[in-house]
Amino acid sequence: MATVVLVIHLFIAIALVGVILIQRSEGGGLGIGGGTFGGLTSGRGAANLLTRTTAILAASFIVTSLTLAILAGNATRAPIILEQPATTAPTPAPAPQQEAPGVPSAPVAQ
C-alpha cells in the first residue's frame, strides 16, 4: 500500500514541477517565452488552466504526503523493552566463597 502511494506521490511531484515551470513568470527576471499553447487557448485561459492544475496537484501532493506519514506511523516498530511483560528474573551467579577470617590472637611480647 505504501509503495503504491509513494509512486503516485512521485508522479504528482514531477507533474507539479513541470506545471510550475510551464507557467509564465510575472517578475520578468526569468520569464522565457510565455506565449500561448499554440493558439488553442487565450493567454488568460491558459493561465487559469495552469493555476487550477497547480492547485489540484498541490492539494494531491499534500494528501499523499499526509497519507505516507500516517502509513509510516502505523508501521510495525521494534518492541520497546519497557513495554514487554516481565519474565522470570534470572538467578544471580553465586558469590565466590570467602573463608571466614580467623580469630585474632593477642600479640606476644618477646
PDB file of N, CA and C in Angstrom:
ATOM      1  N   MET A   1       0.820  -1.190   0.000  1.00  0.00           N
ATOM      2  CA  MET A   1       0.000   0.000   0.000  1.00  0.00           C
ATOM      3  C   MET A   1       0.868   1.259   0.000  1.00  0.00           C
ATOM      4  N   ALA A   2       1.867   1.265   0.870  1.00  0.00           N
ATOM      5  CA  ALA A   2       2.729   2.439   0.955  1.00  0.00           C
ATOM      6  C   ALA A   2       3.518   2.632  -0.339  1.00  0.00           C
ATOM      7  N   THR A   3       3.881   1.541  -0.985  1.00  0.00           N
ATOM      8  CA  THR A   3       4.637   1.647  -2.237  1.00  0.00           C
ATOM      9  C   THR A   3       3.790   2.280  -3.333  1.00  0.00           C
ATOM     10  N   VAL A   4       2.528   1.902  -3.402  1.00  0.00           N
ATOM     11  CA  VAL A   4       1.626   2.475  -4.412  1.00  0.00           C
ATOM     12  C   VAL A   4       1.448   3.971  -4.172  1.00  0.00           C
ATOM     13  N   VAL A   5       1.228   4.359  -2.922  1.00  0.00           N
ATOM     14  CA  VAL A   5       1.051   5.775  -2.595  1.00  0.00           C
ATOM     15  C   VAL A   5       2.341   6.541  -2.881  1.00  0.00           C
ATOM     16  N   LEU A   6       3.488   5.918  -2.613  1.00  0.00           N
ATOM     17  CA  LEU A   6       4.764   6.575  -2.875  1.00  0.00           C
ATOM     18  C   LEU A   6       4.981   6.814  -4.369  1.00  0.00           C
ATOM     19  N   VAL A   7       4.629   5.849  -5.191  1.00  0.00           N
ATOM     20  CA  VAL A   7       4.774   6.010  -6.646  1.00  0.00           C
ATOM     21  C   VAL A   7       3.843   7.121  -7.143  1.00  0.00           C
ATOM     22  N   ILE A   8       2.603   7.132  -6.664  1.00  0.00           N
ATOM     23  CA  ILE A   8       1.661   8.198  -7.037  1.00  0.00           C
ATOM     24  C   ILE A   8       2.207   9.550  -6.591  1.00  0.00           C
ATOM     25  N   HIS A   9       2.762   9.593  -5.389  1.00  0.00           N
ATOM     26  CA  HIS A   9       3.341  10.818  -4.839  1.00  0.00           C
ATOM     27  C   HIS A   9       4.479  11.336  -5.735  1.00  0.00           C
ATOM     28  N   LEU A  10       5.316  10.444  -6.200  1.00  0.00           N
ATOM     29  CA  LEU A  10       6.416  10.851  -7.075  1.00  0.00           C
ATOM     30  C   LEU A  10       5.916  11.387  -8.415  1.00  0.00           C
ATOM     31  N   PHE A  11       4.904  10.727  -8.995  1.00  0.00           N
ATOM     32  CA  PHE A  11       4.331  11.231 -10.250  1.00  0.00           C
ATOM     33  C   PHE A  11       3.714  12.612 -10.062  1.00  0.00           C
ATOM     34  N   ILE A  12       3.018  12.809  -8.951  1.00  0.00           N
ATOM     35  CA  ILE A  12       2.414  14.122  -8.675  1.00  0.00           C
ATOM     36  C   ILE A  12       3.506  15.175  -8.523  1.00  0.00           C
ATOM     37  N   ALA A  13       4.599  14.826  -7.826  1.00  0.00           N
ATOM     38  CA  ALA A  13       5.691  15.789  -7.635  1.00  0.00           C
ATOM     39  C   ALA A  13       6.321  16.188  -8.965  1.00  0.00           C
ATOM     40  N   ILE A  14       6.537  15.222  -9.835  1.00  0.00           N
ATOM     41  CA  ILE A  14       7.123  15.522 -11.147  1.00  0.00           C
ATOM     42  C   ILE A  14       6.171  16.384 -11.978  1.00  0.00           C
ATOM     43  N   ALA A  15       4.883  16.038 -11.951  1.00  0.00           N
ATOM     44  CA  ALA A  15       3.894  16.832 -12.695  1.00  0.00           C
ATOM     45  C   ALA A  15       3.794  18.247 -12.137  1.00  0.00           C
ATOM     46  N   LEU A  16       3.874  18.384 -10.824  1.00  0.00           N
ATOM     47  CA  LEU A  16       3.796  19.702 -10.191  1.00  0.00           C
ATOM     48  C   LEU A  16       4.978  20.572 -10.602  1.00  0.00           C
ATOM     49  N   VAL A  17       6.157  19.999 -10.630  1.00  0.00           N
ATOM     50  CA  VAL A  17       7.336  20.750 -11.065  1.00  0.00           C
ATOM     51  C   VAL A  17       7.176  21.166 -12.530  1.00  0.00           C
ATOM     52  N   GLY A  18       6.693  20.244 -13.364  1.00  0.00           N
ATOM     53  CA  GLY A  18       6.500  20.574 -14.775  1.00  0.00           C
ATOM     54  C   GLY A  18       5.498  21.687 -14.997  1.00  0.00           C
ATOM     55  N   VAL A  19       4.369  21.619 -14.287  1.00  0.00           N
ATOM     56  CA  VAL A  19       3.330  22.650 -14.458  1.00  0.00           C
ATOM     57  C   VAL A  19       3.828  24.000 -13.953  1.00  0.00           C
ATOM     58  N   ILE A  20       4.580  23.999 -12.879  1.00  0.00           N
ATOM     59  CA  ILE A  20       5.107  25.267 -12.359  1.00  0.00           C
ATOM     60  C   ILE A  20       6.119  25.867 -13.336  1.00  0.00           C
ATOM     61  N   LEU A  21       6.934  25.023 -13.959  1.00  0.00           N
ATOM     62  CA  LEU A  21       7.912  25.545 -14.907  1.00  0.00           C
ATOM     63  C   LEU A  21       7.271  26.055 -16.194  1.00  0.00           C
ATOM     64  N   ILE A  22       6.108  25.533 -16.547  1.00  0.00           N
ATOM     65  CA  ILE A  22       5.423  25.980 -17.756  1.00  0.00           C
ATOM     66  C   ILE A  22       4.829  27.369 -17.577  1.00  0.00           C
ATOM     67  N   GLN A  23       4.455  27.706 -16.350  1.00  0.00           N
ATOM     68  CA  GLN A  23       3.754  28.974 -16.115  1.00  0.00           C
ATOM     69  C   GLN A  23       4.636  30.157 -16.445  1.00  0.00           C
ATOM     70  N   ARG A  24       3.974  31.217 -16.837  1.00  0.00           N
ATOM     71  CA  ARG A  24       4.673  32.435 -17.211  1.00  0.00           C
ATOM     72  C   ARG A  24       5.108  33.177 -15.953  1.00  0.00           C
ATOM     73  N   SER A  25       6.331  33.657 -15.972  1.00  0.00           N
ATOM     74  CA  SER A  25       6.858  34.401 -14.841  1.00  0.00           C
ATOM     75  C   SER A  25       6.294  35.810 -14.861  1.00  0.00           C
ATOM     76  N   GLU A  26       5.797  36.262 -13.698  1.00  0.00           N
ATOM     77  CA  GLU A  26       5.271  37.624 -13.633  1.00  0.00           C
ATOM     78  C   GLU A  26       6.343  38.621 -13.243  1.00  0.00           C
ATOM     79  N   GLY A  27       7.458  38.113 -12.700  1.00  0.00           N
ATOM     80  CA  GLY A  27       8.529  39.017 -12.295  1.00  0.00           C
ATOM     81  C   GLY A  27       9.343  39.510 -13.478  1.00  0.00           C
ATOM     82  N   GLY A  28       9.391  38.770 -14.543  1.00  0.00           N
ATOM     83  CA  GLY A  28      10.131  39.191 -15.718  1.00  0.00           C
ATOM     84  C   GLY A  28      11.599  38.817 -15.680  1.00  0.00           C
ATOM     85  N   GLY A  29      12.096  38.361 -14.539  1.00  0.00           N
ATOM     86  CA  GLY A  29      13.510  38.027 -14.429  1.00  0.00           C
ATOM     87  C   GLY A  29      13.874  36.804 -15.256  1.00  0.00           C
ATOM     88  N   LEU A  30      13.114  35.739 -15.107  1.00  0.00           N
ATOM     89  CA  LEU A  30      13.413  34.515 -15.831  1.00  0.00           C
ATOM     90  C   LEU A  30      12.283  34.129 -16.779  1.00  0.00           C
ATOM     91  N   GLY A  31      11.459  35.056 -17.132  1.00  0.00           N
ATOM     92  CA  GLY A  31      10.310  34.749 -17.982  1.00  0.00           C
ATOM     93  C   GLY A  31      10.723  34.467 -19.408  1.00  0.00           C
ATOM     94  N   ILE A  32      11.071  33.244 -19.691  1.00  0.00           N
ATOM     95  CA  ILE A  32      11.476  32.862 -21.040  1.00  0.00           C
ATOM     96  C   ILE A  32      10.222  32.425 -21.781  1.00  0.00           C
ATOM     97  N   GLY A  33      10.012  32.954 -22.943  1.00  0.00           N
ATOM     98  CA  GLY A  33       8.844  32.565 -23.725  1.00  0.00           C
ATOM     99  C   GLY A  33       7.580  33.114 -23.087  1.00  0.00           C
ATOM    100  N   GLY A  34       6.720  32.217 -22.656  1.00  0.00           N
ATOM    101  CA  GLY A  34       5.498  32.656 -22.018  1.00  0.00           C
ATOM    102  C   GLY A  34       4.367  32.892 -22.990  1.00  0.00           C
ATOM    103  N   GLY A  35       4.458  32.392 -24.210  1.00  0.00           N
ATOM    104  CA  GLY A  35       3.378  32.555 -25.173  1.00  0.00           C
ATOM    105  C   GLY A  35       2.242  31.592 -24.878  1.00  0.00           C
ATOM    106  N   THR A  36       1.219  31.605 -25.739  1.00  0.00           N
ATOM    107  CA  THR A  36       0.092  30.703 -25.551  1.00  0.00           C
ATOM    108  C   THR A  36       0.447  29.324 -26.059  1.00  0.00           C
ATOM    109  N   PHE A  37      -0.396  28.373 -25.778  1.00  0.00           N
ATOM    110  CA  PHE A  37      -0.151  26.991 -26.201  1.00  0.00           C
ATOM    111  C   PHE A  37      -0.572  26.794 -27.648  1.00  0.00           C
ATOM    112  N   GLY A  38       0.177  27.305 -28.569  1.00  0.00           N
ATOM    113  CA  GLY A  38      -0.089  27.098 -29.981  1.00  0.00           C
ATOM    114  C   GLY A  38      -1.380  27.727 -30.464  1.00  0.00           C
ATOM    115  N   GLY A  39      -1.889  28.718 -29.772  1.00  0.00           N
ATOM    116  CA  GLY A  39      -3.096  29.400 -30.197  1.00  0.00           C
ATOM    117  C   GLY A  39      -4.372  28.652 -29.849  1.00  0.00           C
ATOM    118  N   LEU A  40      -4.302  27.550 -29.118  1.00  0.00           N
ATOM    119  CA  LEU A  40      -5.517  26.807 -28.765  1.00  0.00           C
ATOM    120  C   LEU A  40      -6.344  27.543 -27.735  1.00  0.00           C
ATOM    121  N   THR A  41      -5.676  28.207 -26.822  1.00  0.00           N
ATOM    122  CA  THR A  41      -6.402  28.967 -25.801  1.00  0.00           C
ATOM    123  C   THR A  41      -5.808  30.356 -25.725  1.00  0.00           C
ATOM    124  N   SER A  42      -6.553  31.246 -25.141  1.00  0.00           N
ATOM    125  CA  SER A  42      -6.024  32.596 -24.967  1.00  0.00           C
ATOM    126  C   SER A  42      -5.013  32.579 -23.827  1.00  0.00           C
ATOM    127  N   GLY A  43      -4.273  33.652 -23.686  1.00  0.00           N
ATOM    128  CA  GLY A  43      -3.292  33.749 -22.607  1.00  0.00           C
ATOM    129  C   GLY A  43      -3.956  33.666 -21.247  1.00  0.00           C
ATOM    130  N   ARG A  44      -5.121  34.278 -21.130  1.00  0.00           N
ATOM    131  CA  ARG A  44      -5.848  34.261 -19.859  1.00  0.00           C
ATOM    132  C   ARG A  44      -6.397  32.877 -19.568  1.00  0.00           C
ATOM    133  N   GLY A  45      -6.890  32.196 -20.581  1.00  0.00           N
ATOM    134  CA  GLY A  45      -7.423  30.847 -20.385  1.00  0.00           C
ATOM    135  C   GLY A  45      -6.330  29.864 -19.996  1.00  0.00           C
ATOM    136  N   ALA A  46      -5.153  30.022 -20.606  1.00  0.00           N
ATOM    137  CA  ALA A  46      -4.036  29.134 -20.272  1.00  0.00           C
ATOM    138  C   ALA A  46      -3.586  29.381 -18.840  1.00  0.00           C
ATOM    139  N   ALA A  47      -3.580  30.641 -18.426  1.00  0.00           N
ATOM    140  CA  ALA A  47      -3.174  30.962 -17.058  1.00  0.00           C
ATOM    141  C   ALA A  47      -4.154  30.368 -16.061  1.00  0.00           C
ATOM    142  N   ASN A  48      -5.458  30.475 -16.362  1.00  0.00           N
ATOM    143  CA  ASN A  48      -6.454  29.898 -15.457  1.00  0.00           C
ATOM    144  C   ASN A  48      -6.322  28.381 -15.404  1.00  0.00           C
ATOM    145  N   LEU A  49      -6.093  27.754 -16.552  1.00  0.00           N
ATOM    146  CA  LEU A  49      -5.939  26.305 -16.592  1.00  0.00           C
ATOM    147  C   LEU A  49      -4.704  25.876 -15.803  1.00  0.00           C
ATOM    148  N   LEU A  50      -3.591  26.577 -15.979  1.00  0.00           N
ATOM    149  CA  LEU A  50      -2.378  26.233 -15.246  1.00  0.00           C
ATOM    150  C   LEU A  50      -2.524  26.493 -13.753  1.00  0.00           C
ATOM    151  N   THR A  51      -3.229  27.549 -13.386  1.00  0.00           N
ATOM    152  CA  THR A  51      -3.455  27.847 -11.969  1.00  0.00           C
ATOM    153  C   THR A  51      -4.299  26.763 -11.327  1.00  0.00           C
ATOM    154  N   ARG A  52      -5.362  26.366 -12.008  1.00  0.00           N
ATOM    155  CA  ARG A  52      -6.213  25.289 -11.474  1.00  0.00           C
ATOM    156  C   ARG A  52      -5.450  23.978 -11.386  1.00  0.00           C
ATOM    157  N   THR A  53      -4.679  23.671 -12.413  1.00  0.00           N
ATOM    158  CA  THR A  53      -3.904  22.431 -12.414  1.00  0.00           C
ATOM    159  C   THR A  53      -2.875  22.438 -11.286  1.00  0.00           C
ATOM    160  N   THR A  54      -2.230  23.577 -11.077  1.00  0.00           N
ATOM    161  CA  THR A  54      -1.256  23.690  -9.989  1.00  0.00           C
ATOM    162  C   THR A  54      -1.937  23.491  -8.640  1.00  0.00           C
ATOM    163  N   ALA A  55      -3.103  24.082  -8.458  1.00  0.00           N
ATOM    164  CA  ALA A  55      -3.818  23.950  -7.184  1.00  0.00           C
ATOM    165  C   ALA A  55      -4.237  22.501  -6.934  1.00  0.00           C
ATOM    166  N   ILE A  56      -4.725  21.831  -7.977  1.00  0.00           N
ATOM    167  CA  ILE A  56      -5.147  20.431  -7.824  1.00  0.00           C
ATOM    168  C   ILE A  56      -3.947  19.541  -7.521  1.00  0.00           C
ATOM    169  N   LEU A  57      -2.840  19.751  -8.240  1.00  0.00           N
ATOM    170  CA  LEU A  57      -1.646  18.951  -7.998  1.00  0.00           C
ATOM    171  C   LEU A  57      -1.064  19.222  -6.612  1.00  0.00           C
ATOM    172  N   ALA A  58      -1.090  20.479  -6.171  1.00  0.00           N
ATOM    173  CA  ALA A  58      -0.577  20.809  -4.839  1.00  0.00           C
ATOM    174  C   ALA A  58      -1.428  20.151  -3.751  1.00  0.00           C
ATOM    175  N   ALA A  59      -2.745  20.179  -3.909  1.00  0.00           N
ATOM    176  CA  ALA A  59      -3.625  19.537  -2.935  1.00  0.00           C
ATOM    177  C   ALA A  59      -3.406  18.025  -2.923  1.00  0.00           C
ATOM    178  N   SER A  60      -3.236  17.436  -4.097  1.00  0.00           N
ATOM    179  CA  SER A  60      -2.964  15.998  -4.177  1.00  0.00           C
ATOM    180  C   SER A  60      -1.628  15.658  -3.534  1.00  0.00           C
ATOM    181  N   PHE A  61      -0.640  16.518  -3.715  1.00  0.00           N
ATOM    182  CA  PHE A  61       0.671  16.302  -3.118  1.00  0.00           C
ATOM    183  C   PHE A  61       0.578  16.311  -1.593  1.00  0.00           C
ATOM    184  N   ILE A  62      -0.177  17.243  -1.055  1.00  0.00           N
ATOM    185  CA  ILE A  62      -0.347  17.326   0.403  1.00  0.00           C
ATOM    186  C   ILE A  62      -1.077  16.099   0.925  1.00  0.00           C
ATOM    187  N   VAL A  63      -2.116  15.666   0.218  1.00  0.00           N
ATOM    188  CA  VAL A  63      -2.879  14.489   0.659  1.00  0.00           C
ATOM    189  C   VAL A  63      -2.005  13.237   0.648  1.00  0.00           C
ATOM    190  N   THR A  64      -1.221  13.060  -0.410  1.00  0.00           N
ATOM    191  CA  THR A  64      -0.366  11.870  -0.454  1.00  0.00           C
ATOM    192  C   THR A  64       0.760  11.963   0.581  1.00  0.00           C
ATOM    193  N   SER A  65       1.233  13.175   0.877  1.00  0.00           N
ATOM    194  CA  SER A  65       2.247  13.341   1.921  1.00  0.00           C
ATOM    195  C   SER A  65       1.691  12.935   3.277  1.00  0.00           C
ATOM    196  N   LEU A  66       0.484  13.391   3.587  1.00  0.00           N
ATOM    197  CA  LEU A  66      -0.144  13.021   4.858  1.00  0.00           C
ATOM    198  C   LEU A  66      -0.425  11.524   4.924  1.00  0.00           C
ATOM    199  N   THR A  67      -0.861  10.948   3.808  1.00  0.00           N
ATOM    200  CA  THR A  67      -1.127   9.512   3.775  1.00  0.00           C
ATOM    201  C   THR A  67       0.147   8.716   4.029  1.00  0.00           C
ATOM    202  N   LEU A  68       1.245   9.128   3.409  1.00  0.00           N
ATOM    203  CA  LEU A  68       2.519   8.441   3.640  1.00  0.00           C
ATOM    204  C   LEU A  68       2.985   8.585   5.086  1.00  0.00           C
ATOM    205  N   ALA A  69       2.756   9.755   5.680  1.00  0.00           N
ATOM    206  CA  ALA A  69       3.146   9.956   7.077  1.00  0.00           C
ATOM    207  C   ALA A  69       2.323   9.064   8.005  1.00  0.00           C
ATOM    208  N   ILE A  70       1.036   8.936   7.727  1.00  0.00           N
ATOM    209  CA  ILE A  70       0.172   8.084   8.551  1.00  0.00           C
ATOM    210  C   ILE A  70       0.560   6.629   8.386  1.00  0.00           C
ATOM    211  N   LEU A  71       0.829   6.213   7.155  1.00  0.00           N
ATOM    212  CA  LEU A  71       1.234   4.826   6.919  1.00  0.00           C
ATOM    213  C   LEU A  71       2.569   4.520   7.593  1.00  0.00           C
ATOM    214  N   ALA A  72       3.487   5.470   7.580  1.00  0.00           N
ATOM    215  CA  ALA A  72       4.782   5.254   8.228  1.00  0.00           C
ATOM    216  C   ALA A  72       4.635   5.206   9.745  1.00  0.00           C
ATOM    217  N   GLY A  73       3.703   5.971  10.289  1.00  0.00           N
ATOM    218  CA  GLY A  73       3.487   5.963  11.732  1.00  0.00           C
ATOM    219  C   GLY A  73       2.847   4.686  12.219  1.00  0.00           C
ATOM    220  N   ASN A  74       2.064   4.042  11.367  1.00  0.00           N
ATOM    221  CA  ASN A  74       1.385   2.811  11.751  1.00  0.00           C
ATOM    222  C   ASN A  74       2.217   1.564  11.475  1.00  0.00           C
ATOM    223  N   ALA A  75       3.390   1.739  10.907  1.00  0.00           N
ATOM    224  CA  ALA A  75       4.235   0.580  10.586  1.00  0.00           C
ATOM    225  C   ALA A  75       4.668  -0.093  11.886  1.00  0.00           C
ATOM    226  N   THR A  76       4.917  -1.368  11.781  1.00  0.00           N
ATOM    227  CA  THR A  76       5.330  -2.096  12.972  1.00  0.00           C
ATOM    228  C   THR A  76       6.705  -1.619  13.396  1.00  0.00           C
ATOM    229  N   ARG A  77       6.805  -1.329  14.669  1.00  0.00           N
ATOM    230  CA  ARG A  77       8.061  -0.862  15.229  1.00  0.00           C
ATOM    231  C   ARG A  77       8.676  -1.965  16.059  1.00  0.00           C
ATOM    232  N   ALA A  78       9.943  -1.835  16.294  1.00  0.00           N
ATOM    233  CA  ALA A  78      10.619  -2.784  17.171  1.00  0.00           C
ATOM    234  C   ALA A  78      10.061  -2.597  18.580  1.00  0.00           C
ATOM    235  N   PRO A  79       9.784  -3.674  19.261  1.00  0.00           N
ATOM    236  CA  PRO A  79       9.198  -3.525  20.594  1.00  0.00           C
ATOM    237  C   PRO A  79      10.174  -2.858  21.558  1.00  0.00           C
ATOM    238  N   ILE A  80       9.633  -2.009  22.393  1.00  0.00           N
ATOM    239  CA  ILE A  80      10.433  -1.337  23.404  1.00  0.00           C
ATOM    240  C   ILE A  80      10.551  -2.280  24.591  1.00  0.00           C
ATOM    241  N   ILE A  81      11.692  -2.362  25.149  1.00  0.00           N
ATOM    242  CA  ILE A  81      11.935  -3.349  26.197  1.00  0.00           C
ATOM    243  C   ILE A  81      11.079  -3.069  27.431  1.00  0.00           C
ATOM    244  N   LEU A  82      10.722  -1.814  27.656  1.00  0.00           N
ATOM    245  CA  LEU A  82       9.902  -1.495  28.829  1.00  0.00           C
ATOM    246  C   LEU A  82       8.453  -1.920  28.655  1.00  0.00           C
ATOM    247  N   GLU A  83       7.996  -2.063  27.419  1.00  0.00           N
ATOM    248  CA  GLU A  83       6.616  -2.453  27.168  1.00  0.00           C
ATOM    249  C   GLU A  83       6.417  -3.964  27.163  1.00  0.00           C
ATOM    250  N   GLN A  84       7.492  -4.740  27.209  1.00  0.00           N
ATOM    251  CA  GLN A  84       7.379  -6.184  27.196  1.00  0.00           C
ATOM    252  C   GLN A  84       7.018  -6.675  28.591  1.00  0.00           C
ATOM    253  N   PRO A  85       6.239  -7.753  28.674  1.00  0.00           N
ATOM    254  CA  PRO A  85       5.898  -8.271  30.005  1.00  0.00           C
ATOM    255  C   PRO A  85       7.150  -8.803  30.692  1.00  0.00           C
ATOM    256  N   ALA A  86       7.134  -8.695  32.006  1.00  0.00           N
ATOM    257  CA  ALA A  86       8.296  -9.139  32.777  1.00  0.00           C
ATOM    258  C   ALA A  86       8.399 -10.658  32.727  1.00  0.00           C
ATOM    259  N   THR A  87       9.579 -11.144  32.547  1.00  0.00           N
ATOM    260  CA  THR A  87       9.817 -12.580  32.568  1.00  0.00           C
ATOM    261  C   THR A  87      10.458 -12.922  33.904  1.00  0.00           C
ATOM    262  N   THR A  88      10.641 -14.187  34.146  1.00  0.00           N
ATOM    263  CA  THR A  88      11.261 -14.569  35.407  1.00  0.00           C
ATOM    264  C   THR A  88      12.670 -14.004  35.449  1.00  0.00           C
ATOM    265  N   ALA A  89      13.005 -13.483  36.606  1.00  0.00           N
ATOM    266  CA  ALA A  89      14.320 -12.872  36.755  1.00  0.00           C
ATOM    267  C   ALA A  89      15.372 -13.968  36.758  1.00  0.00           C
ATOM    268  N   PRO A  90      16.446 -13.752  36.071  1.00  0.00           N
ATOM    269  CA  PRO A  90      17.494 -14.767  36.073  1.00  0.00           C
ATOM    270  C   PRO A  90      18.109 -14.869  37.466  1.00  0.00           C
ATOM    271  N   THR A  91      18.477 -16.076  37.824  1.00  0.00           N
ATOM    272  CA  THR A  91      19.101 -16.267  39.137  1.00  0.00           C
ATOM    273  C   THR A  91      20.502 -15.699  39.091  1.00  0.00           C
ATOM    274  N   PRO A  92      20.862 -14.946  40.117  1.00  0.00           N
ATOM    275  CA  PRO A  92      22.203 -14.356  40.088  1.00  0.00           C
ATOM    276  C   PRO A  92      23.252 -15.437  40.277  1.00  0.00           C
ATOM    277  N   ALA A  93      24.394 -15.182  39.755  1.00  0.00           N
ATOM    278  CA  ALA A  93      25.509 -16.132  39.893  1.00  0.00           C
ATOM    279  C   ALA A  93      25.907 -16.194  41.363  1.00  0.00           C
ATOM    280  N   PRO A  94      26.231 -17.380  41.830  1.00  0.00           N
ATOM    281  CA  PRO A  94      26.611 -17.476  43.253  1.00  0.00           C
ATOM    282  C   PRO A  94      27.894 -16.695  43.522  1.00  0.00           C
ATOM    283  N   ALA A  95      27.902 -16.064  44.685  1.00  0.00           N
ATOM    284  CA  ALA A  95      29.077 -15.288  45.065  1.00  0.00           C
ATOM    285  C   ALA A  95      30.213 -16.243  45.410  1.00  0.00           C
ATOM    286  N   PRO A  96      31.415 -15.881  45.130  1.00  0.00           N
ATOM    287  CA  PRO A  96      32.532 -16.773  45.450  1.00  0.00           C
ATOM    288  C   PRO A  96      32.628 -16.963  46.975  1.00  0.00           C
ATOM    289  N   GLN A  97      32.973 -18.177  47.384  1.00  0.00           N
ATOM    290  CA  GLN A  97      33.071 -18.498  48.803  1.00  0.00           C
ATOM    291  C   GLN A  97      34.301 -17.806  49.395  1.00  0.00           C
ATOM    292  N   GLN A  98      34.067 -17.121  50.479  1.00  0.00           N
ATOM    293  CA  GLN A  98      35.176 -16.478  51.170  1.00  0.00           C
ATOM    294  C   GLN A  98      35.385 -17.209  52.494  1.00  0.00           C
ATOM    295  N   GLU A  99      36.605 -17.415  52.839  1.00  0.00           N
ATOM    296  CA  GLU A  99      36.894 -18.060  54.112  1.00  0.00           C
ATOM    297  C   GLU A  99      36.618 -17.077  55.232  1.00  0.00           C
ATOM    298  N   ALA A 100      36.068 -17.615  56.296  1.00  0.00           N
ATOM    299  CA  ALA A 100      35.819 -16.769  57.456  1.00  0.00           C
ATOM    300  C   ALA A 100      37.162 -16.353  58.053  1.00  0.00           C
ATOM    301  N   PRO A 101      37.255 -15.109  58.407  1.00  0.00           N
ATOM    302  CA  PRO A 101      38.543 -14.667  58.963  1.00  0.00           C
ATOM    303  C   PRO A 101      38.818 -15.384  60.290  1.00  0.00           C
ATOM    304  N   GLY A 102      40.062 -15.661  60.526  1.00  0.00           N
ATOM    305  CA  GLY A 102      40.450 -16.332  61.766  1.00  0.00           C
ATOM    306  C   GLY A 102      40.280 -15.418  62.966  1.00  0.00           C
ATOM    307  N   VAL A 103      40.255 -16.021  64.116  1.00  0.00           N
ATOM    308  CA  VAL A 103      40.113 -15.257  65.340  1.00  0.00           C
ATOM    309  C   VAL A 103      41.459 -14.545  65.587  1.00  0.00           C
ATOM    310  N   PRO A 104      41.396 -13.276  65.865  1.00  0.00           N
ATOM    311  CA  PRO A 104      42.655 -12.574  66.084  1.00  0.00           C
ATOM    312  C   PRO A 104      43.291 -13.024  67.409  1.00  0.00           C
ATOM    313  N   SER A 105      44.555 -13.124  67.368  1.00  0.00           N
ATOM    314  CA  SER A 105      45.269 -13.521  68.590  1.00  0.00           C
ATOM    315  C   SER A 105      45.953 -12.307  69.206  1.00  0.00           C
ATOM    316  N   ALA A 106      46.206 -12.407  70.454  1.00  0.00           N
ATOM    317  CA  ALA A 106      46.872 -11.311  71.139  1.00  0.00           C
ATOM    318  C   ALA A 106      48.344 -11.318  70.763  1.00  0.00           C
ATOM    319  N   PRO A 107      48.940 -10.151  70.643  1.00  0.00           N
ATOM    320  CA  PRO A 107      50.348 -10.125  70.305  1.00  0.00           C
ATOM    321  C   PRO A 107      51.203 -10.677  71.453  1.00  0.00           C
ATOM    322  N   VAL A 108      52.203 -11.353  71.069  1.00  0.00           N
ATOM    323  CA  VAL A 108      53.082 -11.967  72.034  1.00  0.00           C
ATOM    324  C   VAL A 108      54.348 -11.122  72.138  1.00  0.00           C
ATOM    325  N   ALA A 109      54.713 -10.731  73.339  1.00  0.00           N
ATOM    326  CA  ALA A 109      55.917  -9.918  73.520  1.00  0.00           C
ATOM    327  C   ALA A 109      57.133 -10.816  73.581  1.00  0.00           C
ATOM    328  N   GLN A 110      58.224 -10.403  73.109  1.00  0.00           N
ATOM    329  CA  GLN A 110      59.405 -11.239  73.109  1.00  0.00           C
ATOM    330  C   GLN A 110      60.468 -10.699  73.968  1.00  0.00           C
TER     331      GLN A 110
END
